[in-house]
Structures are given as C-alpha cells and as structure tokens.
Amino acid sequence: MASHFTVNGVAIKTPTTFKIERYNVSNMERLANATMVGDLIAQKRKFYFTYDALTGEDLDTILEALWNISGLFYTLAYTENGVAKTATVYSGSIPSELHKVSSNWVWKNVSFNLIEK
C-alpha cells in the first residue's frame, strides 16, 4: 500500500494509528469581576503517529525525514477524509524500543508527534 504521508516530499510508512488533535491558541484571561475575555489567535493541529513495529529501514526513513535534517520546520502532507492536506510542522521526541523477534530485530512502540508551526 502506498504511503499517504510525506515529510518534505519523502514518503514514510503509514502508521498503525494516526490521530489529529485540533486546538485553539488564545490569550484568555479573567477580569477583576471574574468575566473571561480573550482573542482567538490561531487554530493549530498536532499529529500523532504510532507504529506497533517497524523495520530498521522504515525507522531510518522516518528519522532521516524528521530528525537528521538541518532545518527545524518541514512540510507534512497527508490525506484526511479523501482530501490532500499539508501543514508546516516540527517534531517532538521519537521514542522507540528495539526487540528481537525470532532471529530478526524490529523496532516496536515507535511513536512521535508533529506540531503545527
């Protein structure tokens, strides 16, 4: 199956689980009379990728796209409800666990999030 996710044009493996968190960025505060006031500054997204298991090659592709780059921000392209979308993002941490399965080594429980700029 072709990947529906690219980072700076590099296809990465489709995750086992993909989640989008949408949130409002605001400058809310309470006045002396306890009334809440504020302005909506922006609407942003946070993208969660989870992989149950990855080969070393698949993990290397992800790391080269997200971690082994000289820039801080990059373009995520993905498909949501049949519509192609993009976001300028940066990455959080990328934890992974190395496990031996039979005679092969695999990376398990690989997860990371991409936060919209």
Protein backbone atom coordinates (compact mmCIF):
# COMPACT_ATOMS: atom_id res chain seq x y z
CA MET A 1 0.00 0.00 0.00
CA ALA A 2 1.33 3.42 -0.92
CA SER A 3 2.10 5.84 1.86
CA HIS A 4 -0.39 8.63 2.43
CA PHE A 5 2.17 10.55 4.50
CA THR A 6 5.18 12.51 3.30
CA VAL A 7 7.63 14.76 5.11
CA ASN A 8 9.42 17.24 2.83
CA GLY A 9 8.40 15.00 -0.08
CA VAL A 10 9.79 11.79 1.47
CA ALA A 11 7.18 9.04 1.87
CA ILE A 12 7.06 7.48 5.33
CA LYS A 13 5.31 4.28 6.28
CA THR A 14 1.62 4.57 7.07
CA PRO A 15 1.30 4.41 10.88
CA THR A 16 -0.65 1.79 12.76
CA THR A 17 -2.52 4.66 14.42
CA PHE A 18 -2.79 8.26 13.24
CA LYS A 19 -4.51 10.87 15.41
CA ILE A 20 -5.09 14.59 14.89
CA GLU A 21 -5.60 16.94 17.82
CA ARG A 22 -7.11 20.30 16.92
CA TYR A 23 -6.90 23.21 19.32
CA ASN A 24 -7.36 26.96 19.57
CA VAL A 25 -4.49 29.23 20.54
CA SER A 26 -5.85 32.15 22.55
CA ASN A 27 -4.83 34.76 25.08
CA MET A 28 -7.64 34.16 27.57
CA GLU A 29 -7.66 35.93 30.93
CA ARG A 30 -10.09 36.76 33.71
CA LEU A 31 -11.04 40.29 34.57
CA ALA A 32 -11.44 41.52 38.17
CA ASN A 33 -15.17 40.65 38.05
CA ALA A 34 -14.30 37.03 37.01
CA THR A 35 -15.51 37.51 33.42
CA MET A 36 -13.38 35.61 30.88
CA VAL A 37 -12.11 37.62 27.90
CA GLY A 38 -9.63 36.95 25.14
CA ASP A 39 -8.89 36.67 21.46
CA LEU A 40 -8.56 33.68 19.17
CA ILE A 41 -5.01 33.93 17.85
CA ALA A 42 -4.85 30.79 15.69
CA GLN A 43 -6.19 27.29 15.19
CA LYS A 44 -3.48 24.62 15.17
CA ARG A 45 -3.12 20.85 14.83
CA LYS A 46 -0.95 18.23 16.45
CA PHE A 47 -0.41 14.96 14.56
CA TYR A 48 0.26 11.72 16.43
CA PHE A 49 1.94 8.78 14.69
CA THR A 50 2.16 5.34 16.34
CA TYR A 51 3.74 2.20 14.90
CA ASP A 52 3.38 -1.19 16.56
CA ALA A 53 6.53 -2.40 14.79
CA LEU A 54 8.96 -1.07 12.18
CA THR A 55 11.91 -2.49 10.29
CA GLY A 56 15.23 -0.72 10.72
CA GLU A 57 14.87 0.59 7.16
CA ASP A 58 11.43 2.10 7.86
CA LEU A 59 12.66 3.73 11.08
CA ASP A 60 15.72 5.13 9.30
CA THR A 61 13.47 6.71 6.66
CA ILE A 62 11.40 8.38 9.38
CA LEU A 63 14.48 9.57 11.27
CA GLU A 64 16.09 10.96 8.12
CA ALA A 65 12.90 12.89 7.35
CA LEU A 66 12.28 14.18 10.89
CA TRP A 67 15.44 14.13 12.93
CA ASN A 68 18.50 14.02 10.69
CA ILE A 69 17.77 17.32 8.98
CA SER A 70 19.33 20.73 9.24
CA GLY A 71 16.05 22.65 9.49
CA LEU A 72 13.60 22.93 12.36
CA PHE A 73 10.36 23.09 10.32
CA TYR A 74 9.21 20.89 7.46
CA THR A 75 6.12 20.10 5.41
CA LEU A 76 3.82 17.22 6.32
CA ALA A 77 1.49 16.08 3.53
CA TYR A 78 -1.32 13.69 4.39
CA THR A 79 -4.82 12.69 3.35
CA GLU A 80 -7.78 13.43 5.60
CA ASN A 81 -11.22 12.14 4.59
CA GLY A 82 -10.07 11.83 0.98
CA VAL A 83 -8.70 15.39 0.84
CA ALA A 84 -4.97 16.10 0.42
CA LYS A 85 -3.74 18.47 3.14
CA THR A 86 -0.43 19.94 4.27
CA ALA A 87 0.96 21.54 7.41
CA THR A 88 4.25 23.15 8.38
CA VAL A 89 5.38 21.22 11.45
CA TYR A 90 8.22 20.42 13.84
CA SER A 91 8.74 17.17 15.72
CA GLY A 92 8.62 16.21 19.36
CA SER A 93 10.59 13.29 20.77
CA ILE A 94 10.81 9.98 18.86
CA PRO A 95 10.97 7.07 21.35
CA SER A 96 11.49 3.52 20.08
CA GLU A 97 12.23 0.09 21.57
CA LEU A 98 14.48 -2.50 19.92
CA HIS A 99 13.19 -6.10 20.23
CA LYS A 100 14.41 -9.42 18.88
CA VAL A 101 11.68 -11.44 17.18
CA SER A 102 12.95 -14.91 16.24
CA SER A 103 16.27 -14.09 14.56
CA ASN A 104 15.25 -10.59 13.43
CA TRP A 105 15.47 -7.26 15.21
CA VAL A 106 12.48 -4.92 14.97
CA TRP A 107 11.63 -1.53 16.42
CA LYS A 108 8.45 -1.65 18.49
CA ASN A 109 6.24 1.03 20.04
CA VAL A 110 7.64 3.79 17.87
CA SER A 111 5.66 6.98 18.35
CA PHE A 112 6.10 10.67 17.68
CA ASN A 113 4.06 13.78 17.22
CA LEU A 114 4.33 16.62 14.75
CA ILE A 115 3.22 20.02 15.97
CA GLU A 116 1.93 22.67 13.60
CA LYS A 117 4.07 25.82 13.46
